[in-house]
N, C-alpha and C. Protein backbone atom coordinates (compact mmCIF):
# COMPACT_ATOMS: atom_id res chain seq x y z
N MET A 1 -148.09 118.79 237.19
CA MET A 1 -147.67 118.34 236.08
C MET A 1 -146.53 118.14 235.80
N LYS A 2 -145.39 116.97 235.92
CA LYS A 2 -143.99 116.96 236.00
C LYS A 2 -143.69 116.94 234.57
N PHE A 3 -142.35 117.31 234.18
CA PHE A 3 -142.27 116.45 233.24
C PHE A 3 -141.08 116.25 233.06
N TYR A 4 -140.64 115.30 232.39
CA TYR A 4 -138.54 115.19 233.28
C TYR A 4 -138.08 114.23 231.36
N VAL A 5 -137.36 114.74 231.99
CA VAL A 5 -136.61 114.75 230.29
C VAL A 5 -135.81 113.52 230.17
N ILE A 6 -135.82 112.34 229.49
CA ILE A 6 -135.56 110.94 229.49
C ILE A 6 -133.94 111.13 228.28
N SER A 7 -133.17 110.43 228.89
CA SER A 7 -131.90 110.72 227.93
C SER A 7 -131.13 109.13 227.62
N ALA A 8 -131.27 108.13 226.77
CA ALA A 8 -130.53 107.11 227.05
C ALA A 8 -129.28 107.05 225.79
N ILE A 9 -128.78 106.22 226.27
CA ILE A 9 -127.72 105.84 225.26
C ILE A 9 -127.17 104.50 224.95
N LEU A 10 -127.64 103.93 223.87
CA LEU A 10 -127.42 102.25 223.52
C LEU A 10 -126.43 102.26 222.61
N VAL A 11 -124.81 101.27 222.38
CA VAL A 11 -123.79 101.06 222.25
C VAL A 11 -124.72 99.30 221.45
N PHE A 12 -124.19 98.97 220.74
CA PHE A 12 -124.36 97.92 219.70
C PHE A 12 -123.19 97.48 218.82
N ARG A 13 -122.79 96.35 218.98
CA ARG A 13 -122.45 95.52 218.23
C ARG A 13 -122.85 94.47 217.59
N ILE A 14 -122.75 95.49 216.26
CA ILE A 14 -123.40 94.79 214.41
C ILE A 14 -122.11 94.01 213.62
N VAL A 15 -122.61 92.32 214.06
CA VAL A 15 -121.53 91.24 213.52
C VAL A 15 -122.09 91.75 211.58
N ASP A 16 -121.22 91.95 210.29
CA ASP A 16 -121.13 91.23 209.62
C ASP A 16 -121.52 89.81 209.08
N ALA A 17 -122.24 89.02 208.39
CA ALA A 17 -122.90 88.30 209.01
C ALA A 17 -122.17 87.87 207.54
N LYS A 18 -121.74 87.85 206.66
CA LYS A 18 -120.98 87.51 205.85
C LYS A 18 -119.77 87.02 205.44
N GLU A 19 -119.08 88.30 206.39
CA GLU A 19 -117.55 88.93 206.58
C GLU A 19 -117.02 87.90 208.15
N GLY A 20 -117.91 88.47 208.70
CA GLY A 20 -117.80 88.32 209.96
C GLY A 20 -117.03 89.36 210.61
N VAL A 21 -117.32 90.76 210.73
CA VAL A 21 -116.53 91.98 210.77
C VAL A 21 -117.54 92.51 211.52
N PRO A 22 -116.80 92.60 213.27
CA PRO A 22 -117.35 93.74 213.63
C PRO A 22 -118.16 94.97 213.17
N VAL A 23 -118.98 95.49 213.57
CA VAL A 23 -119.17 97.40 213.85
C VAL A 23 -119.48 97.51 214.77
N ASN A 24 -119.20 98.21 215.10
CA ASN A 24 -119.89 99.60 216.99
C ASN A 24 -121.09 100.84 216.35
N ALA A 25 -122.00 100.36 216.65
CA ALA A 25 -123.45 101.95 216.21
C ALA A 25 -123.50 102.28 218.24
N THR A 26 -123.17 103.81 218.27
CA THR A 26 -123.96 104.31 219.48
C THR A 26 -125.11 104.92 219.22
N VAL A 27 -126.81 104.86 219.57
CA VAL A 27 -127.85 105.29 219.24
C VAL A 27 -128.30 105.74 221.02
N SER A 28 -128.29 107.48 220.58
CA SER A 28 -128.77 108.07 221.64
C SER A 28 -129.75 108.73 221.69
N MET A 29 -130.94 109.27 222.58
CA MET A 29 -131.66 109.25 222.43
C MET A 29 -132.33 110.50 223.65
N THR A 30 -133.28 111.62 223.11
CA THR A 30 -133.81 112.53 223.53
C THR A 30 -134.87 113.09 223.91
N ILE A 31 -135.66 112.94 224.99
CA ILE A 31 -136.79 113.35 224.42
C ILE A 31 -137.13 114.30 225.39
N SER A 32 -137.88 115.34 224.83
CA SER A 32 -137.61 116.89 225.79
C SER A 32 -139.34 117.07 226.06
N PRO A 33 -139.01 117.69 227.06
CA PRO A 33 -140.47 117.35 228.35
C PRO A 33 -141.22 118.81 226.91
N SER A 34 -140.11 119.47 226.56
CA SER A 34 -141.30 121.06 226.17
C SER A 34 -141.62 120.73 224.88
N SER A 35 -141.52 119.50 224.01
CA SER A 35 -142.15 119.51 222.76
C SER A 35 -142.80 117.90 222.57
N ASN A 36 -142.33 117.73 223.61
CA ASN A 36 -143.13 116.09 223.64
C ASN A 36 -143.34 115.13 221.95
N THR A 37 -141.92 115.75 221.35
CA THR A 37 -140.67 115.17 220.49
C THR A 37 -139.71 113.94 220.66
N THR A 38 -139.33 113.74 220.15
CA THR A 38 -137.94 112.76 220.26
C THR A 38 -137.61 112.26 219.01
N THR A 39 -136.21 112.48 219.85
CA THR A 39 -135.11 112.44 218.42
C THR A 39 -134.38 112.02 218.20
N SER A 40 -133.43 111.33 217.90
CA SER A 40 -132.25 110.73 217.28
C SER A 40 -132.30 110.81 216.60
N ALA A 41 -130.06 110.43 217.39
CA ALA A 41 -129.23 110.19 216.50
C ALA A 41 -128.22 109.16 216.99
N ILE A 42 -128.31 109.38 215.56
CA ILE A 42 -127.43 107.19 215.20
C ILE A 42 -125.43 107.96 214.89
N ASP A 43 -124.48 107.36 215.30
CA ASP A 43 -122.89 107.90 215.82
C ASP A 43 -122.41 106.89 215.44
N ARG A 44 -121.68 105.63 214.73
CA ARG A 44 -120.63 105.02 214.14
C ARG A 44 -119.82 105.02 214.68
N SER A 45 -119.38 104.26 215.53
CA SER A 45 -117.54 104.65 215.25
C SER A 45 -117.31 104.22 214.30
N GLU A 46 -117.36 102.93 212.89
CA GLU A 46 -117.31 102.52 211.80
C GLU A 46 -117.98 102.97 210.36
N PRO A 47 -118.29 104.35 209.98
CA PRO A 47 -119.59 103.98 209.43
C PRO A 47 -119.42 102.95 208.35
N ILE A 48 -120.32 102.47 208.28
CA ILE A 48 -120.99 101.43 207.37
C ILE A 48 -120.15 100.99 205.77
N ILE A 49 -119.75 102.41 204.99
CA ILE A 49 -119.47 102.82 203.91
C ILE A 49 -117.68 102.08 204.15
N GLU A 50 -117.07 102.33 205.12
CA GLU A 50 -116.33 101.95 205.54
C GLU A 50 -115.50 101.17 205.48
N VAL A 51 -116.42 100.48 206.30
CA VAL A 51 -116.67 98.74 206.88
C VAL A 51 -116.76 97.91 205.43
N LYS A 52 -117.64 98.96 204.42
CA LYS A 52 -117.90 98.18 202.92
C LYS A 52 -116.84 97.93 202.05
N ARG A 53 -116.30 99.37 202.44
CA ARG A 53 -115.02 99.11 201.32
C ARG A 53 -113.97 97.94 201.78
N ALA A 54 -114.00 98.40 203.74
CA ALA A 54 -112.45 97.04 204.09
C ALA A 54 -113.10 95.59 203.86
N ILE A 55 -114.18 94.92 203.01
CA ILE A 55 -114.58 94.63 203.10
C ILE A 55 -114.13 94.27 201.97
N GLU A 56 -115.32 94.93 200.59
CA GLU A 56 -114.47 94.50 199.32
C GLU A 56 -112.48 95.17 198.84
N GLU A 57 -112.06 95.70 199.50
CA GLU A 57 -110.67 95.31 199.56
C GLU A 57 -109.78 93.85 200.39
N LYS A 58 -111.16 93.46 201.27
CA LYS A 58 -109.81 92.25 201.89
C LYS A 58 -110.38 90.74 200.63
N GLU A 59 -111.36 91.21 200.31
CA GLU A 59 -112.74 90.19 199.29
C GLU A 59 -111.34 90.77 198.05
N LEU A 60 -111.07 91.65 197.69
CA LEU A 60 -110.25 91.57 196.55
C LEU A 60 -109.21 90.78 196.54
N VAL A 61 -108.46 90.65 198.04
CA VAL A 61 -106.75 90.63 198.24
C VAL A 61 -106.69 89.18 198.50
N GLU A 62 -107.63 88.59 198.76
CA GLU A 62 -108.44 87.35 199.03
C GLU A 62 -107.98 87.13 198.04
N LYS A 63 -109.50 87.56 196.86
CA LYS A 63 -109.11 86.49 195.55
C LYS A 63 -108.11 86.85 194.69
N ASN A 64 -107.10 87.83 194.43
CA ASN A 64 -105.66 88.25 194.21
C ASN A 64 -104.74 87.06 194.72
N LYS A 65 -104.81 86.12 195.88
CA LYS A 65 -104.03 85.18 196.25
C LYS A 65 -104.38 84.24 195.56
N ILE A 66 -105.59 83.60 196.21
CA ILE A 66 -106.31 82.62 195.82
C ILE A 66 -106.09 82.20 194.15
N ASP A 67 -105.86 83.07 193.48
CA ASP A 67 -105.64 83.81 191.75
C ASP A 67 -104.34 82.74 191.29
N GLU A 68 -102.92 83.84 192.56
CA GLU A 68 -102.09 83.66 192.55
C GLU A 68 -102.12 82.17 192.85
N VAL A 69 -101.75 81.14 194.07
CA VAL A 69 -102.42 80.28 194.98
C VAL A 69 -102.08 78.97 193.28
N LYS A 70 -103.66 79.38 192.34
CA LYS A 70 -103.55 79.17 191.48
C LYS A 70 -102.90 78.71 190.53
N GLU A 71 -102.57 80.31 190.04
CA GLU A 71 -101.03 79.88 188.75
C GLU A 71 -100.24 79.31 189.01
N GLU A 72 -99.75 79.28 190.24
CA GLU A 72 -98.22 78.39 190.91
C GLU A 72 -98.40 76.95 190.88
N LEU A 73 -99.52 76.42 191.97
CA LEU A 73 -100.24 75.47 191.16
C LEU A 73 -99.71 74.70 189.85
N ASP A 74 -101.10 75.22 189.14
CA ASP A 74 -101.30 75.59 187.78
C ASP A 74 -99.43 74.65 186.98
N LYS A 75 -98.37 76.24 187.53
CA LYS A 75 -97.10 76.32 187.26
C LYS A 75 -96.35 74.63 187.84
N ALA A 76 -96.98 74.10 188.41
CA ALA A 76 -95.97 73.28 189.52
C ALA A 76 -97.19 71.72 188.91
N VAL A 77 -98.31 72.10 188.83
CA VAL A 77 -98.90 70.92 188.24
C VAL A 77 -97.99 70.24 186.45
N HIS A 78 -98.74 71.43 185.63
CA HIS A 78 -97.29 71.38 183.87
C HIS A 78 -95.71 70.70 184.20
N SER A 79 -95.27 71.14 185.63
CA SER A 79 -93.76 71.22 185.90
C SER A 79 -93.62 69.67 186.33
N LEU A 80 -94.67 68.82 186.29
CA LEU A 80 -94.55 67.69 187.49
C LEU A 80 -94.47 66.64 185.84
N ASN A 81 -95.68 67.20 185.05
CA ASN A 81 -96.61 66.49 184.10
C ASN A 81 -95.61 66.27 183.64
N LYS A 82 -94.03 67.33 183.11
CA LYS A 82 -93.16 67.67 182.10
C LYS A 82 -92.28 66.59 182.66
N THR A 83 -91.99 66.18 184.29
CA THR A 83 -90.76 65.68 184.65
C THR A 83 -90.88 63.67 184.62
N ILE A 84 -93.12 63.74 185.13
CA ILE A 84 -93.20 62.89 185.13
C ILE A 84 -92.77 61.90 183.41
N GLN A 85 -93.73 62.68 182.51
CA GLN A 85 -93.29 62.05 181.04
C GLN A 85 -91.72 62.17 180.97
N ALA A 86 -90.71 62.54 180.90
CA ALA A 86 -89.83 62.58 180.83
C ALA A 86 -89.06 60.97 181.48
N LYS A 87 -89.35 60.97 183.73
CA LYS A 87 -89.05 59.61 184.20
C LYS A 87 -90.76 58.68 183.06
N GLY A 88 -91.18 58.74 183.23
CA GLY A 88 -91.61 57.57 182.29
C GLY A 88 -91.02 57.24 180.98
N ASP A 89 -90.20 57.95 180.06
CA ASP A 89 -90.00 57.92 178.80
C ASP A 89 -88.38 57.03 179.73
N GLU A 90 -88.10 57.81 179.95
CA GLU A 90 -86.66 56.88 180.58
C GLU A 90 -87.38 55.00 181.32
N VAL A 91 -88.71 55.15 182.42
CA VAL A 91 -88.61 53.89 182.17
C VAL A 91 -89.11 52.55 181.47
N ASN A 92 -89.34 53.38 180.25
CA ASN A 92 -89.68 52.95 178.92
C ASN A 92 -88.64 52.23 178.46
N GLY A 93 -87.57 53.45 178.49
CA GLY A 93 -86.45 52.78 177.25
C GLY A 93 -85.93 51.39 178.63
N ALA A 94 -85.75 51.75 179.93
CA ALA A 94 -85.08 51.06 180.48
C ALA A 94 -85.73 49.42 181.18
N VAL A 95 -87.04 49.33 180.28
CA VAL A 95 -87.92 48.26 179.86
C VAL A 95 -88.29 47.27 178.59
N ALA A 96 -87.55 48.48 178.16
CA ALA A 96 -87.32 47.99 176.55
C ALA A 96 -86.28 47.44 176.66
N GLY A 97 -85.46 47.87 177.14
CA GLY A 97 -83.55 47.21 177.77
C GLY A 97 -83.38 46.04 178.18
N VAL A 98 -84.08 46.48 179.21
CA VAL A 98 -84.46 44.75 180.15
C VAL A 98 -85.39 43.21 179.56
N SER A 99 -86.19 43.49 179.03
CA SER A 99 -86.75 42.92 177.82
C SER A 99 -86.10 42.20 176.76
N LYS A 100 -85.48 43.22 176.19
CA LYS A 100 -84.20 43.15 174.97
C LYS A 100 -83.25 41.97 175.77
N SER A 101 -83.28 42.21 177.11
CA SER A 101 -82.05 41.11 177.37
C SER A 101 -82.04 40.15 178.14
N LEU A 102 -83.96 40.06 177.88
CA LEU A 102 -84.48 38.97 178.51
C LEU A 102 -84.78 38.02 176.87
N GLU A 103 -84.31 38.47 175.95
CA GLU A 103 -85.04 37.59 174.98
C GLU A 103 -83.54 36.98 174.33
N SER A 104 -84.18 35.72 174.11
CA SER A 104 -83.73 34.60 174.02
C SER A 104 -83.12 34.57 172.49
N CYS A 105 -81.80 33.92 172.91
CA CYS A 105 -80.84 33.92 171.24
C CYS A 105 -81.71 32.86 170.32
N VAL A 106 -81.58 32.79 169.26
CA VAL A 106 -81.40 32.00 167.63
C VAL A 106 -80.14 30.93 167.10
N SER A 107 -80.62 30.64 166.17
CA SER A 107 -79.47 30.40 166.19
C SER A 107 -78.25 31.51 165.41
N VAL A 108 -79.65 32.58 164.45
CA VAL A 108 -78.72 33.56 164.22
C VAL A 108 -77.34 33.82 164.80
N ASP A 109 -77.77 34.20 165.42
CA ASP A 109 -76.54 34.17 166.41
C ASP A 109 -75.24 33.68 167.08
N CYS A 110 -75.46 32.46 166.91
CA CYS A 110 -73.95 31.74 165.58
C CYS A 110 -74.30 31.25 164.67
N ASN A 111 -73.99 32.11 164.37
CA ASN A 111 -74.19 32.29 162.46
C ASN A 111 -74.26 31.02 161.70
N ASN A 112 -75.83 30.47 161.77
CA ASN A 112 -76.37 29.02 162.08
C ASN A 112 -75.86 27.94 161.87
N ARG A 113 -74.38 28.04 162.72
CA ARG A 113 -73.64 26.74 162.62
C ARG A 113 -73.80 26.05 164.10
N GLY A 114 -74.77 26.45 165.12
CA GLY A 114 -75.35 25.37 166.54
C GLY A 114 -75.79 26.61 167.06
N THR A 115 -76.34 25.88 168.49
CA THR A 115 -77.46 25.48 168.97
C THR A 115 -76.74 26.65 169.73
N CYS A 116 -77.89 28.03 170.05
CA CYS A 116 -77.80 29.32 170.78
C CYS A 116 -78.70 29.17 172.04
N LEU A 117 -77.80 29.22 172.75
CA LEU A 117 -78.23 29.11 174.77
C LEU A 117 -78.31 30.54 175.77
N GLY A 118 -79.08 30.87 175.79
CA GLY A 118 -79.24 31.91 176.79
C GLY A 118 -79.96 32.81 175.63
N THR A 119 -79.90 34.17 176.48
CA THR A 119 -80.30 35.59 176.15
C THR A 119 -79.55 36.21 174.61
N LYS A 120 -79.83 37.44 174.08
CA LYS A 120 -79.55 38.21 173.33
C LYS A 120 -77.82 39.10 173.42
N ARG A 121 -78.04 38.83 174.58
CA ARG A 121 -76.91 39.77 175.46
C ARG A 121 -75.57 38.54 176.18
N ASN A 122 -76.77 37.68 176.68
CA ASN A 122 -75.81 36.26 177.24
C ASN A 122 -75.82 35.03 176.90
N PHE A 123 -75.23 34.40 175.54
CA PHE A 123 -75.44 34.11 175.24
C PHE A 123 -73.72 32.86 174.82
N LEU A 124 -74.14 31.51 174.55
CA LEU A 124 -73.12 30.47 174.73
C LEU A 124 -74.03 29.44 173.16
N CYS A 125 -72.48 29.49 172.70
CA CYS A 125 -72.74 28.41 171.58
C CYS A 125 -72.92 27.70 171.15
N ALA A 126 -72.99 26.15 170.99
CA ALA A 126 -73.94 24.67 170.95
C ALA A 126 -73.12 24.50 169.57
N CYS A 127 -71.49 24.79 168.69
CA CYS A 127 -71.01 24.50 167.78
C CYS A 127 -71.06 23.22 167.64
N GLN A 128 -71.91 23.19 165.44
CA GLN A 128 -71.03 22.52 165.00
C GLN A 128 -70.82 21.59 164.38
N LEU A 129 -70.48 19.74 164.37
CA LEU A 129 -69.20 19.94 164.70
C LEU A 129 -68.53 19.85 163.24
N GLY A 130 -67.03 19.96 163.83
CA GLY A 130 -66.36 20.93 162.11
C GLY A 130 -66.46 22.54 162.97
N TYR A 131 -67.55 23.34 162.85
CA TYR A 131 -67.06 24.76 163.64
C TYR A 131 -67.02 25.38 165.14
N SER A 132 -66.39 26.47 165.05
CA SER A 132 -65.98 26.50 166.61
C SER A 132 -65.93 27.56 167.13
N GLY A 133 -64.91 28.64 167.91
CA GLY A 133 -65.70 30.15 168.05
C GLY A 133 -66.97 30.55 168.58
N LYS A 134 -67.11 31.70 169.78
CA LYS A 134 -67.96 32.48 170.37
C LYS A 134 -68.86 32.36 169.78
N THR A 135 -69.31 32.80 167.81
CA THR A 135 -70.11 32.77 167.36
C THR A 135 -70.18 31.58 166.24
N CYS A 136 -69.40 30.30 166.85
CA CYS A 136 -69.20 29.19 165.45
C CYS A 136 -69.09 29.74 164.42
N GLU A 137 -67.97 30.77 164.16
CA GLU A 137 -66.98 31.72 163.24
C GLU A 137 -66.49 30.86 162.46
N GLU A 138 -65.37 29.69 163.19
CA GLU A 138 -64.69 29.35 162.78
C GLU A 138 -64.76 28.63 162.60
N THR A 139 -64.10 27.81 160.89
CA THR A 139 -64.01 26.41 160.92
C THR A 139 -62.60 25.85 160.89
N VAL A 140 -63.37 24.45 161.55
CA VAL A 140 -62.01 23.54 162.09
C VAL A 140 -61.82 23.13 160.82
N CYS A 141 -60.31 23.68 161.34
CA CYS A 141 -59.14 22.34 160.34
C CYS A 141 -59.65 21.25 159.57
N ASP A 142 -58.90 21.02 157.72
CA ASP A 142 -59.62 19.71 157.86
C ASP A 142 -57.57 19.61 157.22
N SER A 143 -57.39 18.43 157.87
CA SER A 143 -56.14 18.30 156.83
C SER A 143 -55.43 17.83 155.36
N ARG A 144 -56.83 17.36 155.46
CA ARG A 144 -56.96 17.30 153.80
C ARG A 144 -56.15 18.14 152.92
N ARG A 145 -57.14 19.80 152.87
CA ARG A 145 -57.30 20.85 152.64
C ARG A 145 -56.51 21.57 153.34
N ASP A 146 -55.82 21.91 154.76
CA ASP A 146 -55.52 22.91 154.66
C ASP A 146 -53.80 22.50 155.23
N CYS A 147 -53.59 21.45 155.14
CA CYS A 147 -52.59 20.64 155.90
C CYS A 147 -51.85 19.79 154.41
N ASN A 148 -52.34 20.39 152.55
CA ASN A 148 -52.25 19.89 151.61
C ASN A 148 -51.98 17.69 151.47
N GLY A 149 -53.18 17.27 152.24
CA GLY A 149 -53.01 16.15 152.76
C GLY A 149 -52.31 15.60 152.79
N ARG A 150 -50.75 16.39 153.43
CA ARG A 150 -50.00 15.63 154.22
C ARG A 150 -49.27 15.86 155.61
N GLY A 151 -49.81 15.81 156.27
CA GLY A 151 -50.12 15.83 157.52
C GLY A 151 -51.64 15.59 158.13
N LEU A 152 -51.42 15.52 159.67
CA LEU A 152 -53.06 16.95 160.46
C LEU A 152 -52.60 17.78 160.89
N CYS A 153 -54.59 17.93 160.20
CA CYS A 153 -54.07 19.16 161.45
C CYS A 153 -54.57 19.11 162.45
N PHE A 154 -54.59 20.39 163.55
CA PHE A 154 -54.83 20.62 164.48
C PHE A 154 -55.57 22.43 164.48
N GLY A 155 -56.90 22.31 164.61
CA GLY A 155 -56.95 24.27 165.61
C GLY A 155 -57.68 24.35 164.65
N THR A 156 -58.03 25.31 163.96
CA THR A 156 -59.05 25.94 163.54
C THR A 156 -58.32 26.92 161.88
N THR A 157 -59.03 27.24 161.49
CA THR A 157 -58.75 27.39 160.03
C THR A 157 -58.10 29.52 159.81
N ASN A 158 -58.42 29.27 161.51
CA ASN A 158 -57.54 31.37 161.65
C ASN A 158 -56.26 30.37 162.43
N THR A 159 -56.08 29.34 163.19
CA THR A 159 -55.20 29.38 163.64
C THR A 159 -54.93 27.53 163.61
N LEU A 160 -53.82 27.42 162.84
CA LEU A 160 -53.99 25.90 162.77
C LEU A 160 -52.47 25.67 162.39
N THR A 161 -52.99 24.74 162.73
CA THR A 161 -50.82 23.83 163.25
C THR A 161 -51.18 22.25 162.12
N CYS A 162 -50.56 22.74 161.27
CA CYS A 162 -50.11 20.91 160.61
C CYS A 162 -49.02 20.19 161.15
N LEU A 163 -49.43 19.33 161.60
CA LEU A 163 -48.53 18.25 161.95
C LEU A 163 -48.29 16.52 160.70
N CYS A 164 -47.10 17.49 159.98
CA CYS A 164 -46.79 16.96 158.63
C CYS A 164 -45.78 15.87 159.04
N ASN A 165 -46.27 14.42 157.78
CA ASN A 165 -46.03 13.04 157.74
C ASN A 165 -44.46 13.58 156.97
N LEU A 166 -43.89 12.07 157.14
CA LEU A 166 -42.83 12.02 156.79
C LEU A 166 -42.47 12.60 155.34
N GLY A 167 -41.00 13.11 155.23
CA GLY A 167 -41.01 13.62 154.23
C GLY A 167 -42.03 14.88 153.43
N PHE A 168 -41.77 15.35 154.30
CA PHE A 168 -42.93 16.85 154.17
C PHE A 168 -42.75 18.00 154.72
N THR A 169 -42.76 18.73 154.95
CA THR A 169 -42.18 19.91 155.71
C THR A 169 -43.06 21.58 155.11
N GLY A 170 -42.85 22.87 156.19
CA GLY A 170 -43.65 23.41 156.02
C GLY A 170 -44.51 24.47 157.36
N PRO A 171 -45.45 24.53 157.04
CA PRO A 171 -46.49 25.71 158.15
C PRO A 171 -47.89 24.68 157.39
N ARG A 172 -48.04 24.04 155.66
CA ARG A 172 -48.57 23.29 156.01
C ARG A 172 -48.22 22.29 154.86
N CYS A 173 -47.15 21.95 154.86
CA CYS A 173 -46.88 20.68 154.79
C CYS A 173 -46.26 19.90 152.98
N GLU A 174 -46.41 21.40 152.59
CA GLU A 174 -46.25 22.34 151.44
C GLU A 174 -45.16 21.99 150.19
N THR A 175 -43.73 21.54 151.95
CA THR A 175 -42.57 20.76 151.15
C THR A 175 -42.01 20.19 151.27
N LEU A 176 -41.74 19.73 150.50
CA LEU A 176 -41.54 17.80 150.24
C LEU A 176 -39.40 18.22 150.60
N ILE A 177 -38.91 17.15 151.60
CA ILE A 177 -38.28 16.88 152.39
C ILE A 177 -36.90 15.77 151.10
């Protein structure tokens, strides 16, 4: 009976299911004829411990990067919220200004001496008889009062002219000729 030595070398490429990291492993087997015993040895080019350590380091680096990105995103969101708040205040102020500018004027804007036409910012007063001016603030002159009843009054109490009757002169027809 002849005995033979059988020798085999097997190379495996194992991929870690979690990380997808390939691990090379070489298995060699020898069957010896003298003792009828089988021996085996495993030789790995990348030991499992080192692979696990590399995977853990990679996971830690990725987690740190993710945390950094989250922190930066939180800062950006906070800054954006501040900007939105500030712009919102500006818009609210502008809307309030526009609302006020569209608010109709009332007779108080014409010193209660006329009818107000338009808005608070841009209006025209249709003054009652005897009043004039942008807000009906001036009174039309009264010949009896402003020209001492001795002439005709033209204009307003602020800028008036008296056309004096015969025999009288002066700015208010106060002097007898």
